[in-house]
Amino acid sequence: MLEAIAQIACKGAVTLKPDPQVGLAAEATLPARCALPA
């Protein structure tokens, strides 16, 4: 879902980083210079 949002809103891909210490957890970083209106 977050990858799709990044493709539509940011015209790019997210960077996914699993968190092995927590288990079923990860961080998704949106592309730099992604203009998300506020």
PDB file of all heavy atoms in Angstrom:
ATOM      1  N   MET A   1       0.831  -1.203   0.000  1.00  0.00           N
ATOM      2  CA  MET A   1       0.000   0.000   0.000  1.00  0.00           C
ATOM      3  C   MET A   1       0.868   1.256   0.000  1.00  0.00           C
ATOM      4  O   MET A   1       0.625   2.206  -0.766  1.00  0.00           O
ATOM      5  CB  MET A   1      -0.924  -0.019   1.214  1.00  0.00           C
ATOM      6  CG  MET A   1      -1.750   1.245   1.416  1.00  0.00           C
ATOM      7  SD  MET A   1      -2.962   1.553   0.084  1.00  0.00           S
ATOM      8  CE  MET A   1      -4.242   0.348   0.498  1.00  0.00           C
ATOM      9  N   LEU A   2       1.890   1.287   0.836  1.00  0.00           N
ATOM     10  CA  LEU A   2       2.769   2.453   0.912  1.00  0.00           C
ATOM     11  C   LEU A   2       3.590   2.607  -0.373  1.00  0.00           C
ATOM     12  O   LEU A   2       3.862   3.734  -0.809  1.00  0.00           O
ATOM     13  CB  LEU A   2       3.686   2.337   2.122  1.00  0.00           C
ATOM     14  CG  LEU A   2       2.963   2.369   3.475  1.00  0.00           C
ATOM     15  CD1 LEU A   2       3.957   2.146   4.606  1.00  0.00           C
ATOM     16  CD2 LEU A   2       2.209   3.680   3.677  1.00  0.00           C
ATOM     17  N   GLU A   3       3.958   1.503  -0.995  1.00  0.00           N
ATOM     18  CA  GLU A   3       4.659   1.575  -2.277  1.00  0.00           C
ATOM     19  C   GLU A   3       3.772   2.220  -3.338  1.00  0.00           C
ATOM     20  O   GLU A   3       4.230   3.040  -4.142  1.00  0.00           O
ATOM     21  CB  GLU A   3       5.090   0.177  -2.712  1.00  0.00           C
ATOM     22  CG  GLU A   3       6.245  -0.387  -1.894  1.00  0.00           C
ATOM     23  CD  GLU A   3       6.489  -1.862  -2.167  1.00  0.00           C
ATOM     24  OE1 GLU A   3       5.640  -2.495  -2.838  1.00  0.00           O
ATOM     25  OE2 GLU A   3       7.516  -2.383  -1.693  1.00  0.00           O
ATOM     26  N   ALA A   4       2.493   1.859  -3.343  1.00  0.00           N
ATOM     27  CA  ALA A   4       1.563   2.443  -4.310  1.00  0.00           C
ATOM     28  C   ALA A   4       1.386   3.941  -4.072  1.00  0.00           C
ATOM     29  O   ALA A   4       1.332   4.737  -5.013  1.00  0.00           O
ATOM     30  CB  ALA A   4       0.215   1.727  -4.247  1.00  0.00           C
ATOM     31  N   ILE A   5       1.288   4.344  -2.809  1.00  0.00           N
ATOM     32  CA  ILE A   5       1.161   5.764  -2.481  1.00  0.00           C
ATOM     33  C   ILE A   5       2.382   6.528  -2.964  1.00  0.00           C
ATOM     34  O   ILE A   5       2.274   7.626  -3.526  1.00  0.00           O
ATOM     35  CB  ILE A   5       0.942   5.944  -0.965  1.00  0.00           C
ATOM     36  CG1 ILE A   5      -0.456   5.457  -0.578  1.00  0.00           C
ATOM     37  CG2 ILE A   5       1.132   7.403  -0.548  1.00  0.00           C
ATOM     38  CD1 ILE A   5      -0.711   5.440   0.904  1.00  0.00           C
ATOM     39  N   ALA A   6       3.569   5.964  -2.750  1.00  0.00           N
ATOM     40  CA  ALA A   6       4.801   6.626  -3.188  1.00  0.00           C
ATOM     41  C   ALA A   6       4.836   6.761  -4.705  1.00  0.00           C
ATOM     42  O   ALA A   6       5.265   7.792  -5.241  1.00  0.00           O
ATOM     43  CB  ALA A   6       6.019   5.852  -2.693  1.00  0.00           C
ATOM     44  N   GLN A   7       4.392   5.742  -5.415  1.00  0.00           N
ATOM     45  CA  GLN A   7       4.390   5.800  -6.874  1.00  0.00           C
ATOM     46  C   GLN A   7       3.448   6.885  -7.387  1.00  0.00           C
ATOM     47  O   GLN A   7       3.765   7.593  -8.349  1.00  0.00           O
ATOM     48  CB  GLN A   7       3.994   4.435  -7.442  1.00  0.00           C
ATOM     49  CG  GLN A   7       5.052   3.365  -7.234  1.00  0.00           C
ATOM     50  CD  GLN A   7       4.538   1.978  -7.557  1.00  0.00           C
ATOM     51  OE1 GLN A   7       3.387   1.813  -7.999  1.00  0.00           O
ATOM     52  NE2 GLN A   7       5.364   0.969  -7.344  1.00  0.00           N
ATOM     53  N   ILE A   8       2.289   7.022  -6.736  1.00  0.00           N
ATOM     54  CA  ILE A   8       1.317   8.014  -7.192  1.00  0.00           C
ATOM     55  C   ILE A   8       1.718   9.420  -6.763  1.00  0.00           C
ATOM     56  O   ILE A   8       1.755  10.348  -7.572  1.00  0.00           O
ATOM     57  CB  ILE A   8      -0.087   7.689  -6.644  1.00  0.00           C
ATOM     58  CG1 ILE A   8      -0.574   6.340  -7.182  1.00  0.00           C
ATOM     59  CG2 ILE A   8      -1.082   8.786  -7.017  1.00  0.00           C
ATOM     60  CD1 ILE A   8      -1.852   5.846  -6.519  1.00  0.00           C
ATOM     61  N   ALA A   9       2.025   9.584  -5.474  1.00  0.00           N
ATOM     62  CA  ALA A   9       2.255  10.920  -4.926  1.00  0.00           C
ATOM     63  C   ALA A   9       3.666  11.432  -5.146  1.00  0.00           C
ATOM     64  O   ALA A   9       3.869  12.644  -5.281  1.00  0.00           O
ATOM     65  CB  ALA A   9       1.948  10.920  -3.428  1.00  0.00           C
ATOM     66  N   CYS A  10       4.636  10.521  -5.172  1.00  0.00           N
ATOM     67  CA  CYS A  10       6.041  10.931  -5.233  1.00  0.00           C
ATOM     68  C   CYS A  10       6.716  10.568  -6.548  1.00  0.00           C
ATOM     69  O   CYS A  10       7.877  10.956  -6.767  1.00  0.00           O
ATOM     70  CB  CYS A  10       6.820  10.299  -4.089  1.00  0.00           C
ATOM     71  SG  CYS A  10       6.091  10.521  -2.456  1.00  0.00           S
ATOM     72  N   LYS A  11       6.039   9.787  -7.381  1.00  0.00           N
ATOM     73  CA  LYS A  11       6.628   9.322  -8.645  1.00  0.00           C
ATOM     74  C   LYS A  11       7.943   8.593  -8.401  1.00  0.00           C
ATOM     75  O   LYS A  11       8.910   8.709  -9.159  1.00  0.00           O
ATOM     76  CB  LYS A  11       6.865  10.489  -9.616  1.00  0.00           C
ATOM     77  CG  LYS A  11       5.678  11.406  -9.807  1.00  0.00           C
ATOM     78  CD  LYS A  11       4.465  10.672 -10.333  1.00  0.00           C
ATOM     79  CE  LYS A  11       3.297  11.637 -10.546  1.00  0.00           C
ATOM     80  NZ  LYS A  11       2.043  10.929 -10.897  1.00  0.00           N
ATOM     81  N   GLY A  12       7.987   7.839  -7.312  1.00  0.00           N
ATOM     82  CA  GLY A  12       9.197   7.106  -6.967  1.00  0.00           C
ATOM     83  C   GLY A  12       8.880   5.929  -6.070  1.00  0.00           C
ATOM     84  O   GLY A  12       7.717   5.612  -5.824  1.00  0.00           O
ATOM     85  N   ALA A  13       9.934   5.287  -5.585  1.00  0.00           N
ATOM     86  CA  ALA A  13       9.768   4.094  -4.763  1.00  0.00           C
ATOM     87  C   ALA A  13      10.122   4.377  -3.313  1.00  0.00           C
ATOM     88  O   ALA A  13      10.947   5.246  -3.019  1.00  0.00           O
ATOM     89  CB  ALA A  13      10.659   2.966  -5.291  1.00  0.00           C
ATOM     90  N   VAL A  14       9.493   3.637  -2.416  1.00  0.00           N
ATOM     91  CA  VAL A  14       9.846   3.739  -0.999  1.00  0.00           C
ATOM     92  C   VAL A  14      11.088   2.893  -0.730  1.00  0.00           C
ATOM     93  O   VAL A  14      11.394   1.951  -1.466  1.00  0.00           O
ATOM     94  CB  VAL A  14       8.696   3.258  -0.086  1.00  0.00           C
ATOM     95  CG1 VAL A  14       7.476   4.117  -0.241  1.00  0.00           C
ATOM     96  CG2 VAL A  14       8.371   1.798  -0.354  1.00  0.00           C
ATOM     97  N   THR A  15      11.783   3.242   0.329  1.00  0.00           N
ATOM     98  CA  THR A  15      12.896   2.434   0.818  1.00  0.00           C
ATOM     99  C   THR A  15      12.410   1.682   2.046  1.00  0.00           C
ATOM    100  O   THR A  15      11.999   2.298   3.034  1.00  0.00           O
ATOM    101  CB  THR A  15      14.104   3.307   1.188  1.00  0.00           C
ATOM    102  OG1 THR A  15      14.517   4.036   0.028  1.00  0.00           O
ATOM    103  CG2 THR A  15      15.253   2.455   1.679  1.00  0.00           C
ATOM    104  N   LEU A  16      12.410   0.352   1.977  1.00  0.00           N
ATOM    105  CA  LEU A  16      11.902  -0.477   3.064  1.00  0.00           C
ATOM    106  C   LEU A  16      13.066  -1.023   3.884  1.00  0.00           C
ATOM    107  O   LEU A  16      14.025  -1.569   3.341  1.00  0.00           O
ATOM    108  CB  LEU A  16      11.068  -1.628   2.506  1.00  0.00           C
ATOM    109  CG  LEU A  16       9.772  -1.236   1.799  1.00  0.00           C
ATOM    110  CD1 LEU A  16       9.160  -2.441   1.098  1.00  0.00           C
ATOM    111  CD2 LEU A  16       8.784  -0.630   2.783  1.00  0.00           C
ATOM    112  N   LYS A  17      12.959  -0.876   5.198  1.00  0.00           N
ATOM    113  CA  LYS A  17      13.994  -1.346   6.111  1.00  0.00           C
ATOM    114  C   LYS A  17      13.353  -2.182   7.207  1.00  0.00           C
ATOM    115  O   LYS A  17      12.693  -1.658   8.101  1.00  0.00           O
ATOM    116  CB  LYS A  17      14.732  -0.154   6.730  1.00  0.00           C
ATOM    117  CG  LYS A  17      15.858  -0.555   7.671  1.00  0.00           C
ATOM    118  CD  LYS A  17      16.521   0.681   8.261  1.00  0.00           C
ATOM    119  CE  LYS A  17      17.628   0.302   9.250  1.00  0.00           C
ATOM    120  NZ  LYS A  17      18.248   1.516   9.850  1.00  0.00           N
ATOM    121  N   PRO A  18      13.533  -3.518   7.163  1.00  0.00           N
ATOM    122  CA  PRO A  18      12.974  -4.368   8.218  1.00  0.00           C
ATOM    123  C   PRO A  18      13.627  -4.068   9.568  1.00  0.00           C
ATOM    124  O   PRO A  18      14.772  -3.610   9.636  1.00  0.00           O
ATOM    125  CB  PRO A  18      13.316  -5.786   7.742  1.00  0.00           C
ATOM    126  CG  PRO A  18      13.624  -5.646   6.287  1.00  0.00           C
ATOM    127  CD  PRO A  18      14.209  -4.282   6.112  1.00  0.00           C
ATOM    128  N   ASP A  19      12.880  -4.344  10.630  1.00  0.00           N
ATOM    129  CA  ASP A  19      13.395  -4.177  11.981  1.00  0.00           C
ATOM    130  C   ASP A  19      13.503  -5.555  12.625  1.00  0.00           C
ATOM    131  O   ASP A  19      12.530  -6.061  13.203  1.00  0.00           O
ATOM    132  CB  ASP A  19      12.468  -3.278  12.799  1.00  0.00           C
ATOM    133  CG  ASP A  19      13.037  -2.946  14.173  1.00  0.00           C
ATOM    134  OD1 ASP A  19      13.989  -3.623  14.598  1.00  0.00           O
ATOM    135  OD2 ASP A  19      12.525  -2.020  14.820  1.00  0.00           O
ATOM    136  N   PRO A  20      14.672  -6.201  12.548  1.00  0.00           N
ATOM    137  CA  PRO A  20      14.795  -7.565  13.061  1.00  0.00           C
ATOM    138  C   PRO A  20      14.648  -7.661  14.569  1.00  0.00           C
ATOM    139  O   PRO A  20      14.317  -8.723  15.097  1.00  0.00           O
ATOM    140  CB  PRO A  20      16.219  -7.968  12.619  1.00  0.00           C
ATOM    141  CG  PRO A  20      16.950  -6.675  12.436  1.00  0.00           C
ATOM    142  CD  PRO A  20      15.914  -5.694  11.955  1.00  0.00           C
ATOM    143  N   GLN A  21      14.851  -6.572  15.295  1.00  0.00           N
ATOM    144  CA  GLN A  21      14.746  -6.607  16.746  1.00  0.00           C
ATOM    145  C   GLN A  21      13.297  -6.705  17.211  1.00  0.00           C
ATOM    146  O   GLN A  21      13.012  -7.273  18.259  1.00  0.00           O
ATOM    147  CB  GLN A  21      15.399  -5.366  17.351  1.00  0.00           C
ATOM    148  CG  GLN A  21      16.911  -5.316  17.132  1.00  0.00           C
ATOM    149  CD  GLN A  21      17.544  -4.133  17.834  1.00  0.00           C
ATOM    150  OE1 GLN A  21      16.867  -3.203  18.265  1.00  0.00           O
ATOM    151  NE2 GLN A  21      18.868  -4.160  17.947  1.00  0.00           N
ATOM    152  N   VAL A  22      12.384  -6.144  16.420  1.00  0.00           N
ATOM    153  CA  VAL A  22      10.961  -6.186  16.781  1.00  0.00           C
ATOM    154  C   VAL A  22      10.271  -7.381  16.157  1.00  0.00           C
ATOM    155  O   VAL A  22       9.303  -7.921  16.689  1.00  0.00           O
ATOM    156  CB  VAL A  22      10.262  -4.865  16.378  1.00  0.00           C
ATOM    157  CG1 VAL A  22       8.776  -4.935  16.644  1.00  0.00           C
ATOM    158  CG2 VAL A  22      10.896  -3.698  17.113  1.00  0.00           C
ATOM    159  N   GLY A  23      10.749  -7.827  14.993  1.00  0.00           N
ATOM    160  CA  GLY A  23      10.123  -8.951  14.311  1.00  0.00           C
ATOM    161  C   GLY A  23       9.311  -8.487  13.139  1.00  0.00           C
ATOM    162  O   GLY A  23       9.856  -8.081  12.109  1.00  0.00           O
ATOM    163  N   LEU A  24       7.974  -8.506  13.276  1.00  0.00           N
ATOM    164  CA  LEU A  24       7.098  -8.126  12.171  1.00  0.00           C
ATOM    165  C   LEU A  24       6.941  -6.607  12.144  1.00  0.00           C
ATOM    166  O   LEU A  24       5.877  -6.053  12.418  1.00  0.00           O
ATOM    167  CB  LEU A  24       5.746  -8.821  12.303  1.00  0.00           C
ATOM    168  CG  LEU A  24       5.796 -10.344  12.187  1.00  0.00           C
ATOM    169  CD1 LEU A  24       4.429 -10.949  12.483  1.00  0.00           C
ATOM    170  CD2 LEU A  24       6.275 -10.769  10.804  1.00  0.00           C
ATOM    171  N   ALA A  25       8.041  -5.936  11.813  1.00  0.00           N
ATOM    172  CA  ALA A  25       8.053  -4.478  11.790  1.00  0.00           C
ATOM    173  C   ALA A  25       9.017  -4.006  10.709  1.00  0.00           C
ATOM    174  O   ALA A  25       9.941  -4.720  10.320  1.00  0.00           O
ATOM    175  CB  ALA A  25       8.464  -3.905  13.142  1.00  0.00           C
ATOM    176  N   ALA A  26       8.758  -2.804  10.216  1.00  0.00           N
ATOM    177  CA  ALA A  26       9.608  -2.222   9.177  1.00  0.00           C
ATOM    178  C   ALA A  26       9.393  -0.722   9.143  1.00  0.00           C
ATOM    179  O   ALA A  26       8.413  -0.211   9.698  1.00  0.00           O
ATOM    180  CB  ALA A  26       9.298  -2.832   7.811  1.00  0.00           C
ATOM    181  N   GLU A  27      10.328  -0.036   8.511  1.00  0.00           N
ATOM    182  CA  GLU A  27      10.185   1.388   8.258  1.00  0.00           C
ATOM    183  C   GLU A  27      10.188   1.617   6.750  1.00  0.00           C
ATOM    184  O   GLU A  27      11.034   1.075   6.039  1.00  0.00           O
ATOM    185  CB  GLU A  27      11.314   2.185   8.917  1.00  0.00           C
ATOM    186  CG  GLU A  27      11.211   2.224  10.429  1.00  0.00           C
ATOM    187  CD  GLU A  27      12.241   3.117  11.064  1.00  0.00           C
ATOM    188  OE1 GLU A  27      13.225   3.505  10.352  1.00  0.00           O
ATOM    189  OE2 GLU A  27      12.108   3.445  12.257  1.00  0.00           O
ATOM    190  N   ALA A  28       9.240   2.411   6.289  1.00  0.00           N
ATOM    191  CA  ALA A  28       9.137   2.756   4.872  1.00  0.00           C
ATOM    192  C   ALA A  28       9.445   4.245   4.725  1.00  0.00           C
ATOM    193  O   ALA A  28       8.726   5.079   5.285  1.00  0.00           O
ATOM    194  CB  ALA A  28       7.746   2.440   4.339  1.00  0.00           C
ATOM    195  N   THR A  29      10.492   4.555   3.988  1.00  0.00           N
ATOM    196  CA  THR A  29      10.897   5.945   3.793  1.00  0.00           C
ATOM    197  C   THR A  29      10.473   6.402   2.409  1.00  0.00           C
ATOM    198  O   THR A  29      10.839   5.785   1.402  1.00  0.00           O
ATOM    199  CB  THR A  29      12.416   6.102   3.947  1.00  0.00           C
ATOM    200  OG1 THR A  29      12.814   5.634   5.238  1.00  0.00           O
ATOM    201  CG2 THR A  29      12.833   7.558   3.794  1.00  0.00           C
ATOM    202  N   LEU A  30       9.672   7.468   2.356  1.00  0.00           N
ATOM    203  CA  LEU A  30       9.236   8.004   1.078  1.00  0.00           C
ATOM    204  C   LEU A  30      10.407   8.673   0.366  1.00  0.00           C
ATOM    205  O   LEU A  30      11.370   9.108   1.011  1.00  0.00           O
ATOM    206  CB  LEU A  30       8.102   9.001   1.269  1.00  0.00           C
ATOM    207  CG  LEU A  30       6.801   8.444   1.864  1.00  0.00           C
ATOM    208  CD1 LEU A  30       5.742   9.532   1.928  1.00  0.00           C
ATOM    209  CD2 LEU A  30       6.283   7.266   1.059  1.00  0.00           C
ATOM    210  N   PRO A  31      10.342   8.778  -0.959  1.00  0.00           N
ATOM    211  CA  PRO A  31      11.450   9.380  -1.697  1.00  0.00           C
ATOM    212  C   PRO A  31      11.734  10.811  -1.254  1.00  0.00           C
ATOM    213  O   PRO A  31      10.826  11.539  -0.840  1.00  0.00           O
ATOM    214  CB  PRO A  31      10.967   9.346  -3.155  1.00  0.00           C
ATOM    215  CG  PRO A  31       9.936   8.273  -3.191  1.00  0.00           C
ATOM    216  CD  PRO A  31       9.277   8.305  -1.848  1.00  0.00           C
ATOM    217  N   ALA A  32      12.988  11.192  -1.344  1.00  0.00           N
ATOM    218  CA  ALA A  32      13.357  12.582  -1.080  1.00  0.00           C
ATOM    219  C   ALA A  32      12.740  13.476  -2.146  1.00  0.00           C
ATOM    220  O   ALA A  32      12.426  13.033  -3.249  1.00  0.00           O
ATOM    221  CB  ALA A  32      14.877  12.730  -1.074  1.00  0.00           C
ATOM    222  N   ARG A  33      12.547  14.730  -1.791  1.00  0.00           N
ATOM    223  CA  ARG A  33      11.957  15.721  -2.709  1.00  0.00           C
ATOM    224  C   ARG A  33      10.545  15.319  -3.134  1.00  0.00           C
ATOM    225  O   ARG A  33      10.115  15.604  -4.248  1.00  0.00           O
ATOM    226  CB  ARG A  33      12.827  15.938  -3.952  1.00  0.00           C
ATOM    227  CG  ARG A  33      14.249  16.365  -3.633  1.00  0.00           C
ATOM    228  CD  ARG A  33      15.028  16.644  -4.916  1.00  0.00           C
ATOM    229  NE  ARG A  33      16.415  16.959  -4.635  1.00  0.00           N
ATOM    230  CZ  ARG A  33      17.368  16.062  -4.507  1.00  0.00           C
ATOM    231  NH1 ARG A  33      17.083  14.786  -4.639  1.00  0.00           N
ATOM    232  NH2 ARG A  33      18.610  16.424  -4.249  1.00  0.00           N
ATOM    233  N   CYS A  34       9.842  14.626  -2.246  1.00  0.00           N
ATOM    234  CA  CYS A  34       8.453  14.262  -2.525  1.00  0.00           C
ATOM    235  C   CYS A  34       7.565  15.376  -1.992  1.00  0.00           C
ATOM    236  O   CYS A  34       7.485  15.591  -0.782  1.00  0.00           O
ATOM    237  CB  CYS A  34       8.105  12.935  -1.864  1.00  0.00           C
ATOM    238  SG  CYS A  34       6.394  12.424  -2.139  1.00  0.00           S
ATOM    239  N   ALA A  35       6.919  16.085  -2.886  1.00  0.00           N
ATOM    240  CA  ALA A  35       6.092  17.229  -2.488  1.00  0.00           C
ATOM    241  C   ALA A  35       4.706  16.744  -2.078  1.00  0.00           C
ATOM    242  O   ALA A  35       3.824  16.544  -2.917  1.00  0.00           O
ATOM    243  CB  ALA A  35       5.993  18.219  -3.641  1.00  0.00           C
ATOM    244  N   LEU A  36       4.519  16.543  -0.774  1.00  0.00           N
ATOM    245  CA  LEU A  36       3.221  16.132  -0.246  1.00  0.00           C
ATOM    246  C   LEU A  36       2.482  17.362   0.248  1.00  0.00           C
ATOM    247  O   LEU A  36       2.897  17.980   1.228  1.00  0.00           O
ATOM    248  CB  LEU A  36       3.408  15.135   0.896  1.00  0.00           C
ATOM    249  CG  LEU A  36       4.062  13.801   0.524  1.00  0.00           C
ATOM    250  CD1 LEU A  36       4.307  12.975   1.774  1.00  0.00           C
ATOM    251  CD2 LEU A  36       3.207  13.033  -0.460  1.00  0.00           C
ATOM    252  N   PRO A  37       1.406  17.774  -0.419  1.00  0.00           N
ATOM    253  CA  PRO A  37       0.682  18.976   0.008  1.00  0.00           C
ATOM    254  C   PRO A  37       0.158  18.849   1.420  1.00  0.00           C
ATOM    255  O   PRO A  37      -0.271  17.773   1.843  1.00  0.00           O
ATOM    256  CB  PRO A  37      -0.459  19.089  -1.019  1.00  0.00           C
ATOM    257  CG  PRO A  37      -0.616  17.710  -1.568  1.00  0.00           C
ATOM    258  CD  PRO A  37       0.746  17.103  -1.546  1.00  0.00           C
ATOM    259  N   ALA A  38       0.190  19.949   2.143  1.00  0.00           N
ATOM    260  CA  ALA A  38      -0.207  19.923   3.549  1.00  0.00           C
ATOM    261  C   ALA A  38      -1.579  20.540   3.794  1.00  0.00           C
ATOM    262  O   ALA A  38      -2.077  20.482   4.897  1.00  0.00           O
ATOM    263  CB  ALA A  38       0.834  20.667   4.394  1.00  0.00           C
TER     264      ALA A  38
END
